[in-house]
């Protein structure tokens, strides 16, 4: 019975982890990318929406992400000094500019 409660507690803890969708802005080393997460908040006095952004260091185990990709990321245990997020999946790949067509 203690196993059952510990599994339920683990599942409840996992469910509380944050998931975000952001854009890859740079590859900052092996298996590390920087993801910019854009969001809007209301101004405290005037109420107009203000654009804000947060840059997160994310673990990309497969080295599959390129700058411009939209990725889904999830919170995880600390992997290094700055990395607390990991890539779940690539939502949309970056469109390449300047492809020559024959």
PDB file of N, CA and C in Angstrom:
ATOM      1  N   UNK A   1       0.817  -1.186   0.000  1.00  0.00           N
ATOM      2  CA  UNK A   1       0.000   0.000   0.000  1.00  0.00           C
ATOM      3  C   UNK A   1       0.864   1.254   0.000  1.00  0.00           C
ATOM      4  N   UNK A   2       2.020   1.211   0.646  1.00  0.00           N
ATOM      5  CA  UNK A   2       2.906   2.369   0.645  1.00  0.00           C
ATOM      6  C   UNK A   2       3.455   2.637  -0.750  1.00  0.00           C
ATOM      7  N   UNK A   3       3.671   1.562  -1.532  1.00  0.00           N
ATOM      8  CA  UNK A   3       4.111   1.742  -2.915  1.00  0.00           C
ATOM      9  C   UNK A   3       3.062   2.489  -3.724  1.00  0.00           C
ATOM     10  N   UNK A   4       1.804   2.128  -3.498  1.00  0.00           N
ATOM     11  CA  UNK A   4       0.712   2.744  -4.228  1.00  0.00           C
ATOM     12  C   UNK A   4       0.611   4.241  -3.931  1.00  0.00           C
ATOM     13  N   UNK A   5       0.755   4.610  -2.666  1.00  0.00           N
ATOM     14  CA  UNK A   5       0.696   6.030  -2.308  1.00  0.00           C
ATOM     15  C   UNK A   5       1.900   6.783  -2.831  1.00  0.00           C
ATOM     16  N   UNK A   6       3.072   6.160  -2.820  1.00  0.00           N
ATOM     17  CA  UNK A   6       4.254   6.850  -3.330  1.00  0.00           C
ATOM     18  C   UNK A   6       4.154   7.059  -4.837  1.00  0.00           C
ATOM     19  N   UNK A   7       3.585   6.090  -5.567  1.00  0.00           N
ATOM     20  CA  UNK A   7       3.393   6.260  -7.008  1.00  0.00           C
ATOM     21  C   UNK A   7       2.381   7.358  -7.299  1.00  0.00           C
ATOM     22  N   UNK A   8       1.317   7.415  -6.499  1.00  0.00           N
ATOM     23  CA  UNK A   8       0.319   8.460  -6.674  1.00  0.00           C
ATOM     24  C   UNK A   8       0.920   9.825  -6.368  1.00  0.00           C
ATOM     25  N   UNK A   9       1.731   9.905  -5.324  1.00  0.00           N
ATOM     26  CA  UNK A   9       2.378  11.162  -4.964  1.00  0.00           C
ATOM     27  C   UNK A   9       3.334  11.602  -6.059  1.00  0.00           C
ATOM     28  N   UNK A  10       4.061  10.643  -6.644  1.00  0.00           N
ATOM     29  CA  UNK A  10       4.976  10.962  -7.729  1.00  0.00           C
ATOM     30  C   UNK A  10       4.210  11.474  -8.945  1.00  0.00           C
ATOM     31  N   UNK A  11       3.102  10.819  -9.272  1.00  0.00           N
ATOM     32  CA  UNK A  11       2.297  11.242 -10.418  1.00  0.00           C
ATOM     33  C   UNK A  11       1.720  12.635 -10.177  1.00  0.00           C
ATOM     34  N   UNK A  12       1.299  12.921  -8.956  1.00  0.00           N
ATOM     35  CA  UNK A  12       0.751  14.243  -8.648  1.00  0.00           C
ATOM     36  C   UNK A  12       1.837  15.310  -8.749  1.00  0.00           C
ATOM     37  N   UNK A  13       3.059  14.998  -8.308  1.00  0.00           N
ATOM     38  CA  UNK A  13       4.168  15.931  -8.399  1.00  0.00           C
ATOM     39  C   UNK A  13       4.526  16.177  -9.860  1.00  0.00           C
ATOM     40  N   UNK A  14       4.548  15.134 -10.661  1.00  0.00           N
ATOM     41  CA  UNK A  14       4.878  15.276 -12.083  1.00  0.00           C
ATOM     42  C   UNK A  14       3.843  16.134 -12.801  1.00  0.00           C
ATOM     43  N   UNK A  15       2.594  16.018 -12.394  1.00  0.00           N
ATOM     44  CA  UNK A  15       1.530  16.761 -13.059  1.00  0.00           C
ATOM     45  C   UNK A  15       1.685  18.262 -12.846  1.00  0.00           C
ATOM     46  N   UNK A  16       2.374  18.685 -11.805  1.00  0.00           N
ATOM     47  CA  UNK A  16       2.520  20.101 -11.494  1.00  0.00           C
ATOM     48  C   UNK A  16       3.651  20.769 -12.268  1.00  0.00           C
ATOM     49  N   UNK A  17       4.429  20.013 -13.030  1.00  0.00           N
ATOM     50  CA  UNK A  17       5.532  20.600 -13.779  1.00  0.00           C
ATOM     51  C   UNK A  17       5.018  21.475 -14.904  1.00  0.00           C
ATOM     52  N   UNK A  18       5.707  22.581 -15.141  1.00  0.00           N
ATOM     53  CA  UNK A  18       5.262  23.535 -16.150  1.00  0.00           C
ATOM     54  C   UNK A  18       5.645  23.064 -17.551  1.00  0.00           C
ATOM     55  N   UNK A  19       4.783  23.356 -18.517  1.00  0.00           N
ATOM     56  CA  UNK A  19       5.041  23.131 -19.937  1.00  0.00           C
ATOM     57  C   UNK A  19       4.877  24.463 -20.643  1.00  0.00           C
ATOM     58  N   UNK A  20       5.821  24.806 -21.510  1.00  0.00           N
ATOM     59  CA  UNK A  20       5.771  26.059 -22.257  1.00  0.00           C
ATOM     60  C   UNK A  20       6.088  25.794 -23.723  1.00  0.00           C
ATOM     61  N   UNK A  21       5.682  26.713 -24.577  1.00  0.00           N
ATOM     62  CA  UNK A  21       6.063  26.674 -25.984  1.00  0.00           C
ATOM     63  C   UNK A  21       6.807  27.974 -26.274  1.00  0.00           C
ATOM     64  N   UNK A  22       8.013  27.840 -26.824  1.00  0.00           N
ATOM     65  CA  UNK A  22       8.833  29.005 -27.118  1.00  0.00           C
ATOM     66  C   UNK A  22       9.606  28.821 -28.405  1.00  0.00           C
ATOM     67  N   UNK A  23      10.391  29.841 -28.745  1.00  0.00           N
ATOM     68  CA  UNK A  23      11.169  29.834 -29.986  1.00  0.00           C
ATOM     69  C   UNK A  23      12.650  29.718 -29.665  1.00  0.00           C
ATOM     70  N   UNK A  24      13.340  28.842 -30.387  1.00  0.00           N
ATOM     71  CA  UNK A  24      14.780  28.664 -30.200  1.00  0.00           C
ATOM     72  C   UNK A  24      15.480  29.888 -30.783  1.00  0.00           C
ATOM     73  N   UNK A  25      16.283  30.560 -29.947  1.00  0.00           N
ATOM     74  CA  UNK A  25      16.984  31.744 -30.423  1.00  0.00           C
ATOM     75  C   UNK A  25      18.446  31.472 -30.717  1.00  0.00           C
ATOM     76  N   UNK A  26      19.061  30.516 -30.005  1.00  0.00           N
ATOM     77  CA  UNK A  26      20.452  30.191 -30.313  1.00  0.00           C
ATOM     78  C   UNK A  26      20.816  28.817 -29.775  1.00  0.00           C
ATOM     79  N   UNK A  27      21.884  28.280 -30.341  1.00  0.00           N
ATOM     80  CA  UNK A  27      22.462  27.036 -29.839  1.00  0.00           C
ATOM     81  C   UNK A  27      23.698  27.453 -29.058  1.00  0.00           C
ATOM     82  N   UNK A  28      23.670  27.272 -27.766  1.00  0.00           N
ATOM     83  CA  UNK A  28      24.756  27.799 -26.940  1.00  0.00           C
ATOM     84  C   UNK A  28      25.657  26.692 -26.407  1.00  0.00           C
ATOM     85  N   UNK A  29      25.974  25.736 -27.235  1.00  0.00           N
ATOM     86  CA  UNK A  29      26.865  24.670 -26.805  1.00  0.00           C
ATOM     87  C   UNK A  29      26.285  23.314 -27.151  1.00  0.00           C
ATOM     88  N   UNK A  30      27.014  22.268 -26.806  1.00  0.00           N
ATOM     89  CA  UNK A  30      26.566  20.911 -27.087  1.00  0.00           C
ATOM     90  C   UNK A  30      25.378  20.569 -26.191  1.00  0.00           C
ATOM     91  N   UNK A  31      24.259  20.154 -26.813  1.00  0.00           N
ATOM     92  CA  UNK A  31      23.043  19.740 -26.113  1.00  0.00           C
ATOM     93  C   UNK A  31      22.381  20.850 -25.308  1.00  0.00           C
ATOM     94  N   UNK A  32      22.665  22.102 -25.638  1.00  0.00           N
ATOM     95  CA  UNK A  32      22.053  23.231 -24.950  1.00  0.00           C
ATOM     96  C   UNK A  32      21.548  24.232 -25.975  1.00  0.00           C
ATOM     97  N   UNK A  33      20.327  24.701 -25.769  1.00  0.00           N
ATOM     98  CA  UNK A  33      19.754  25.735 -26.617  1.00  0.00           C
ATOM     99  C   UNK A  33      19.171  26.827 -25.721  1.00  0.00           C
ATOM    100  N   UNK A  34      18.983  28.005 -26.306  1.00  0.00           N
ATOM    101  CA  UNK A  34      18.296  29.086 -25.605  1.00  0.00           C
ATOM    102  C   UNK A  34      16.927  29.244 -26.242  1.00  0.00           C
ATOM    103  N   UNK A  35      15.903  29.218 -25.412  1.00  0.00           N
ATOM    104  CA  UNK A  35      14.533  29.350 -25.882  1.00  0.00           C
ATOM    105  C   UNK A  35      13.955  30.631 -25.309  1.00  0.00           C
ATOM    106  N   UNK A  36      13.356  31.456 -26.175  1.00  0.00           N
ATOM    107  CA  UNK A  36      12.704  32.675 -25.731  1.00  0.00           C
ATOM    108  C   UNK A  36      11.214  32.406 -25.627  1.00  0.00           C
ATOM    109  N   UNK A  37      10.667  32.703 -24.441  1.00  0.00           N
ATOM    110  CA  UNK A  37       9.252  32.522 -24.170  1.00  0.00           C
ATOM    111  C   UNK A  37       8.613  33.898 -24.082  1.00  0.00           C
ATOM    112  N   UNK A  38       7.690  34.211 -25.009  1.00  0.00           N
ATOM    113  CA  UNK A  38       7.005  35.502 -25.039  1.00  0.00           C
ATOM    114  C   UNK A  38       5.662  35.380 -24.340  1.00  0.00           C
ATOM    115  N   UNK A  39       5.305  36.403 -23.552  1.00  0.00           N
ATOM    116  CA  UNK A  39       4.004  36.427 -22.891  1.00  0.00           C
ATOM    117  C   UNK A  39       3.572  37.870 -22.691  1.00  0.00           C
ATOM    118  N   UNK A  40       2.314  38.072 -22.355  1.00  0.00           N
ATOM    119  CA  UNK A  40       1.778  39.417 -22.129  1.00  0.00           C
ATOM    120  C   UNK A  40       1.182  39.483 -20.731  1.00  0.00           C
ATOM    121  N   UNK A  41       1.391  40.646 -20.083  1.00  0.00           N
ATOM    122  CA  UNK A  41       0.798  40.886 -18.775  1.00  0.00           C
ATOM    123  C   UNK A  41       0.110  42.250 -18.806  1.00  0.00           C
ATOM    124  N   UNK A  42      -0.929  42.446 -18.006  1.00  0.00           N
ATOM    125  CA  UNK A  42      -1.551  43.770 -17.968  1.00  0.00           C
ATOM    126  C   UNK A  42      -0.703  44.744 -17.155  1.00  0.00           C
ATOM    127  N   UNK A  43      -0.656  45.989 -17.603  1.00  0.00           N
ATOM    128  CA  UNK A  43       0.055  47.023 -16.861  1.00  0.00           C
ATOM    129  C   UNK A  43      -0.650  47.219 -15.520  1.00  0.00           C
ATOM    130  N   UNK A  44       0.108  47.345 -14.416  1.00  0.00           N
ATOM    131  CA  UNK A  44      -0.525  47.412 -13.096  1.00  0.00           C
ATOM    132  C   UNK A  44      -1.462  48.607 -12.903  1.00  0.00           C
ATOM    133  N   UNK A  45      -1.216  49.718 -13.577  1.00  0.00           N
ATOM    134  CA  UNK A  45      -2.052  50.903 -13.398  1.00  0.00           C
ATOM    135  C   UNK A  45      -3.017  51.089 -14.563  1.00  0.00           C
ATOM    136  N   UNK A  46      -2.505  51.022 -15.793  1.00  0.00           N
ATOM    137  CA  UNK A  46      -3.302  51.378 -16.955  1.00  0.00           C
ATOM    138  C   UNK A  46      -4.052  50.204 -17.581  1.00  0.00           C
ATOM    139  N   UNK A  47      -3.644  48.986 -17.304  1.00  0.00           N
ATOM    140  CA  UNK A  47      -4.357  47.814 -17.806  1.00  0.00           C
ATOM    141  C   UNK A  47      -3.999  47.382 -19.212  1.00  0.00           C
ATOM    142  N   UNK A  48      -3.235  48.194 -19.955  1.00  0.00           N
ATOM    143  CA  UNK A  48      -2.831  47.817 -21.306  1.00  0.00           C
ATOM    144  C   UNK A  48      -1.874  46.628 -21.227  1.00  0.00           C
ATOM    145  N   UNK A  49      -1.991  45.710 -22.192  1.00  0.00           N
ATOM    146  CA  UNK A  49      -1.108  44.542 -22.197  1.00  0.00           C
ATOM    147  C   UNK A  49       0.307  44.940 -22.594  1.00  0.00           C
ATOM    148  N   UNK A  50       1.278  44.444 -21.846  1.00  0.00           N
ATOM    149  CA  UNK A  50       2.690  44.710 -22.098  1.00  0.00           C
ATOM    150  C   UNK A  50       3.339  43.409 -22.530  1.00  0.00           C
ATOM    151  N   UNK A  51       4.154  43.473 -23.591  1.00  0.00           N
ATOM    152  CA  UNK A  51       4.875  42.279 -24.047  1.00  0.00           C
ATOM    153  C   UNK A  51       6.108  42.072 -23.177  1.00  0.00           C
ATOM    154  N   UNK A  52       6.328  40.850 -22.766  1.00  0.00           N
ATOM    155  CA  UNK A  52       7.496  40.473 -21.986  1.00  0.00           C
ATOM    156  C   UNK A  52       8.097  39.209 -22.595  1.00  0.00           C
ATOM    157  N   UNK A  53       9.358  38.968 -22.255  1.00  0.00           N
ATOM    158  CA  UNK A  53       9.999  37.734 -22.723  1.00  0.00           C
ATOM    159  C   UNK A  53      10.932  37.212 -21.642  1.00  0.00           C
ATOM    160  N   UNK A  54      11.137  35.917 -21.667  1.00  0.00           N
ATOM    161  CA  UNK A  54      12.065  35.260 -20.765  1.00  0.00           C
ATOM    162  C   UNK A  54      12.942  34.337 -21.605  1.00  0.00           C
ATOM    163  N   UNK A  55      14.245  34.371 -21.383  1.00  0.00           N
ATOM    164  CA  UNK A  55      15.172  33.485 -22.090  1.00  0.00           C
ATOM    165  C   UNK A  55      15.535  32.349 -21.147  1.00  0.00           C
ATOM    166  N   UNK A  56      15.303  31.115 -21.604  1.00  0.00           N
ATOM    167  CA  UNK A  56      15.543  29.927 -20.793  1.00  0.00           C
ATOM    168  C   UNK A  56      16.629  29.074 -21.436  1.00  0.00           C
ATOM    169  N   UNK A  57      17.486  28.496 -20.624  1.00  0.00           N
ATOM    170  CA  UNK A  57      18.477  27.535 -21.099  1.00  0.00           C
ATOM    171  C   UNK A  57      17.837  26.159 -21.022  1.00  0.00           C
ATOM    172  N   UNK A  58      17.845  25.444 -22.151  1.00  0.00           N
ATOM    173  CA  UNK A  58      17.098  24.200 -22.276  1.00  0.00           C
ATOM    174  C   UNK A  58      18.013  23.077 -22.732  1.00  0.00           C
ATOM    175  N   UNK A  59      17.789  21.873 -22.179  1.00  0.00           N
ATOM    176  CA  UNK A  59      18.572  20.688 -22.543  1.00  0.00           C
ATOM    177  C   UNK A  59      17.969  20.048 -23.784  1.00  0.00           C
ATOM    178  N   UNK A  60      18.764  19.915 -24.840  1.00  0.00           N
ATOM    179  CA  UNK A  60      18.354  19.281 -26.098  1.00  0.00           C
ATOM    180  C   UNK A  60      19.241  18.059 -26.291  1.00  0.00           C
ATOM    181  N   UNK A  61      18.806  16.923 -25.772  1.00  0.00           N
ATOM    182  CA  UNK A  61      19.640  15.721 -25.761  1.00  0.00           C
ATOM    183  C   UNK A  61      20.001  15.241 -27.165  1.00  0.00           C
ATOM    184  N   UNK A  62      19.104  15.416 -28.131  1.00  0.00           N
ATOM    185  CA  UNK A  62      19.338  14.908 -29.487  1.00  0.00           C
ATOM    186  C   UNK A  62      20.046  15.909 -30.392  1.00  0.00           C
ATOM    187  N   UNK A  63      20.296  17.125 -29.929  1.00  0.00           N
ATOM    188  CA  UNK A  63      20.867  18.193 -30.750  1.00  0.00           C
ATOM    189  C   UNK A  63      20.062  18.397 -32.033  1.00  0.00           C
ATOM    190  N   UNK A  64      18.729  18.294 -31.925  1.00  0.00           N
ATOM    191  CA  UNK A  64      17.864  18.350 -33.091  1.00  0.00           C
ATOM    192  C   UNK A  64      17.325  19.745 -33.379  1.00  0.00           C
ATOM    193  N   UNK A  65      17.345  20.639 -32.415  1.00  0.00           N
ATOM    194  CA  UNK A  65      16.736  21.963 -32.579  1.00  0.00           C
ATOM    195  C   UNK A  65      17.683  22.943 -33.254  1.00  0.00           C
ATOM    196  N   UNK A  66      17.085  23.792 -34.100  1.00  0.00           N
ATOM    197  CA  UNK A  66      17.835  24.835 -34.784  1.00  0.00           C
ATOM    198  C   UNK A  66      17.215  26.177 -34.423  1.00  0.00           C
ATOM    199  N   UNK A  67      17.955  27.270 -34.557  1.00  0.00           N
ATOM    200  CA  UNK A  67      17.363  28.583 -34.309  1.00  0.00           C
ATOM    201  C   UNK A  67      16.157  28.828 -35.213  1.00  0.00           C
ATOM    202  N   UNK A  68      15.094  29.316 -34.626  1.00  0.00           N
ATOM    203  CA  UNK A  68      13.862  29.562 -35.363  1.00  0.00           C
ATOM    204  C   UNK A  68      12.794  28.509 -35.137  1.00  0.00           C
ATOM    205  N   UNK A  69      13.164  27.338 -34.622  1.00  0.00           N
ATOM    206  CA  UNK A  69      12.195  26.277 -34.345  1.00  0.00           C
ATOM    207  C   UNK A  69      11.305  26.671 -33.175  1.00  0.00           C
ATOM    208  N   UNK A  70      10.057  26.233 -33.219  1.00  0.00           N
ATOM    209  CA  UNK A  70       9.169  26.362 -32.062  1.00  0.00           C
ATOM    210  C   UNK A  70       9.199  25.029 -31.342  1.00  0.00           C
ATOM    211  N   UNK A  71       9.469  25.075 -30.041  1.00  0.00           N
ATOM    212  CA  UNK A  71       9.599  23.839 -29.272  1.00  0.00           C
ATOM    213  C   UNK A  71       8.722  23.881 -28.027  1.00  0.00           C
ATOM    214  N   UNK A  72       8.299  22.699 -27.614  1.00  0.00           N
ATOM    215  CA  UNK A  72       7.597  22.556 -26.343  1.00  0.00           C
ATOM    216  C   UNK A  72       8.626  22.102 -25.323  1.00  0.00           C
ATOM    217  N   UNK A  73       8.682  22.796 -24.180  1.00  0.00           N
ATOM    218  CA  UNK A  73       9.672  22.473 -23.154  1.00  0.00           C
ATOM    219  C   UNK A  73       8.962  22.188 -21.845  1.00  0.00           C
ATOM    220  N   UNK A  74       9.628  21.427 -20.986  1.00  0.00           N
ATOM    221  CA  UNK A  74       9.053  21.065 -19.689  1.00  0.00           C
ATOM    222  C   UNK A  74      10.087  21.288 -18.598  1.00  0.00           C
ATOM    223  N   UNK A  75       9.605  21.625 -17.430  1.00  0.00           N
ATOM    224  CA  UNK A  75      10.459  21.815 -16.271  1.00  0.00           C
ATOM    225  C   UNK A  75      11.065  20.476 -15.871  1.00  0.00           C
ATOM    226  N   UNK A  76      12.287  20.506 -15.372  1.00  0.00           N
ATOM    227  CA  UNK A  76      12.945  19.271 -14.936  1.00  0.00           C
ATOM    228  C   UNK A  76      13.897  19.596 -13.788  1.00  0.00           C
ATOM    229  N   UNK A  77      14.571  18.595 -13.296  1.00  0.00           N
ATOM    230  CA  UNK A  77      15.541  18.816 -12.220  1.00  0.00           C
ATOM    231  C   UNK A  77      16.705  19.653 -12.754  1.00  0.00           C
ATOM    232  N   UNK A  78      17.473  20.299 -11.894  1.00  0.00           N
ATOM    233  CA  UNK A  78      18.624  21.068 -12.378  1.00  0.00           C
ATOM    234  C   UNK A  78      19.642  20.165 -13.086  1.00  0.00           C
ATOM    235  N   UNK A  79      19.955  20.505 -14.331  1.00  0.00           N
ATOM    236  CA  UNK A  79      20.917  19.728 -15.109  1.00  0.00           C
ATOM    237  C   UNK A  79      22.290  20.385 -15.126  1.00  0.00           C
ATOM    238  N   UNK A  80      22.346  21.681 -14.892  1.00  0.00           N
ATOM    239  CA  UNK A  80      23.601  22.415 -14.787  1.00  0.00           C
ATOM    240  C   UNK A  80      23.298  23.699 -14.033  1.00  0.00           C
ATOM    241  N   UNK A  81      24.224  24.628 -14.065  1.00  0.00           N
ATOM    242  CA  UNK A  81      24.043  25.882 -13.331  1.00  0.00           C
ATOM    243  C   UNK A  81      22.792  26.641 -13.795  1.00  0.00           C
ATOM    244  N   UNK A  82      22.531  26.651 -15.096  1.00  0.00           N
ATOM    245  CA  UNK A  82      21.408  27.417 -15.629  1.00  0.00           C
ATOM    246  C   UNK A  82      20.284  26.567 -16.218  1.00  0.00           C
ATOM    247  N   UNK A  83      20.559  25.316 -16.575  1.00  0.00           N
ATOM    248  CA  UNK A  83      19.560  24.493 -17.264  1.00  0.00           C
ATOM    249  C   UNK A  83      18.594  23.834 -16.282  1.00  0.00           C
ATOM    250  N   UNK A  84      17.293  24.226 -16.401  1.00  0.00           N
ATOM    251  CA  UNK A  84      16.242  23.619 -15.598  1.00  0.00           C
ATOM    252  C   UNK A  84      15.066  23.176 -16.459  1.00  0.00           C
ATOM    253  N   UNK A  85      15.246  23.159 -17.761  1.00  0.00           N
ATOM    254  CA  UNK A  85      14.202  22.794 -18.708  1.00  0.00           C
ATOM    255  C   UNK A  85      14.751  21.784 -19.699  1.00  0.00           C
ATOM    256  N   UNK A  86      13.855  21.004 -20.323  1.00  0.00           N
ATOM    257  CA  UNK A  86      14.249  20.037 -21.353  1.00  0.00           C
ATOM    258  C   UNK A  86      13.262  20.112 -22.505  1.00  0.00           C
ATOM    259  N   UNK A  87      13.711  19.735 -23.684  1.00  0.00           N
ATOM    260  CA  UNK A  87      12.856  19.748 -24.871  1.00  0.00           C
ATOM    261  C   UNK A  87      11.947  18.533 -24.831  1.00  0.00           C
ATOM    262  N   UNK A  88      10.639  18.754 -24.996  1.00  0.00           N
ATOM    263  CA  UNK A  88       9.684  17.657 -25.080  1.00  0.00           C
ATOM    264  C   UNK A  88       9.507  17.248 -26.533  1.00  0.00           C
ATOM    265  N   UNK A  89       9.250  18.259 -27.400  1.00  0.00           N
ATOM    266  CA  UNK A  89       9.084  17.979 -28.830  1.00  0.00           C
ATOM    267  C   UNK A  89       9.265  19.267 -29.617  1.00  0.00           C
ATOM    268  N   UNK A  90       9.537  19.104 -30.905  1.00  0.00           N
ATOM    269  CA  UNK A  90       9.626  20.240 -31.813  1.00  0.00           C
ATOM    270  C   UNK A  90       8.240  20.432 -32.411  1.00  0.00           C
ATOM    271  N   UNK A  91       7.619  21.569 -32.130  1.00  0.00           N
ATOM    272  CA  UNK A  91       6.265  21.845 -32.599  1.00  0.00           C
ATOM    273  C   UNK A  91       6.284  22.235 -34.072  1.00  0.00           C
ATOM    274  N   UNK A  92       7.215  23.120 -34.439  1.00  0.00           N
ATOM    275  CA  UNK A  92       7.296  23.621 -35.808  1.00  0.00           C
ATOM    276  C   UNK A  92       8.754  23.887 -36.139  1.00  0.00           C
ATOM    277  N   UNK A  93       9.195  23.409 -37.300  1.00  0.00           N
ATOM    278  CA  UNK A  93      10.580  23.633 -37.687  1.00  0.00           C
ATOM    279  C   UNK A  93      10.724  25.001 -38.344  1.00  0.00           C
ATOM    280  N   UNK A  94      11.925  25.539 -38.316  1.00  0.00           N
ATOM    281  CA  UNK A  94      12.200  26.867 -38.883  1.00  0.00           C
ATOM    282  C   UNK A  94      12.140  26.802 -40.398  1.00  0.00           C
ATOM    283  N   UNK A  95      11.588  27.838 -40.966  1.00  0.00           N
ATOM    284  CA  UNK A  95      11.553  27.945 -42.421  1.00  0.00           C
ATOM    285  C   UNK A  95      12.870  28.544 -42.876  1.00  0.00           C
ATOM    286  N   UNK A  96      13.525  27.892 -43.830  1.00  0.00           N
ATOM    287  CA  UNK A  96      14.798  28.391 -44.327  1.00  0.00           C
ATOM    288  C   UNK A  96      14.534  29.497 -45.341  1.00  0.00           C
ATOM    289  N   UNK A  97      15.314  30.541 -45.275  1.00  0.00           N
ATOM    290  CA  UNK A  97      15.177  31.696 -46.163  1.00  0.00           C
ATOM    291  C   UNK A  97      16.267  31.640 -47.214  1.00  0.00           C
ATOM    292  N   UNK A  98      15.922  31.946 -48.462  1.00  0.00           N
ATOM    293  CA  UNK A  98      16.911  32.046 -49.514  1.00  0.00           C
ATOM    294  C   UNK A  98      17.251  30.735 -50.195  1.00  0.00           C
ATOM    295  N   UNK A  99      16.307  29.775 -50.170  1.00  0.00           N
ATOM    296  CA  UNK A  99      16.569  28.532 -50.884  1.00  0.00           C
ATOM    297  C   UNK A  99      16.471  28.809 -52.393  1.00  0.00           C
ATOM    298  N   UNK A 100      17.451  28.338 -53.129  1.00  0.00           N
ATOM    299  CA  UNK A 100      17.457  28.537 -54.576  1.00  0.00           C
ATOM    300  C   UNK A 100      16.657  27.426 -55.237  1.00  0.00           C
ATOM    301  N   UNK A 101      15.687  27.811 -56.077  1.00  0.00           N
ATOM    302  CA  UNK A 101      14.952  26.799 -56.829  1.00  0.00           C
ATOM    303  C   UNK A 101      15.331  26.880 -58.292  1.00  0.00           C
ATOM    304  N   UNK A 102      15.508  25.709 -58.876  1.00  0.00           N
ATOM    305  CA  UNK A 102      15.978  25.659 -60.261  1.00  0.00           C
ATOM    306  C   UNK A 102      14.857  25.729 -61.243  1.00  0.00           C
TER     307      UNK A 102
END
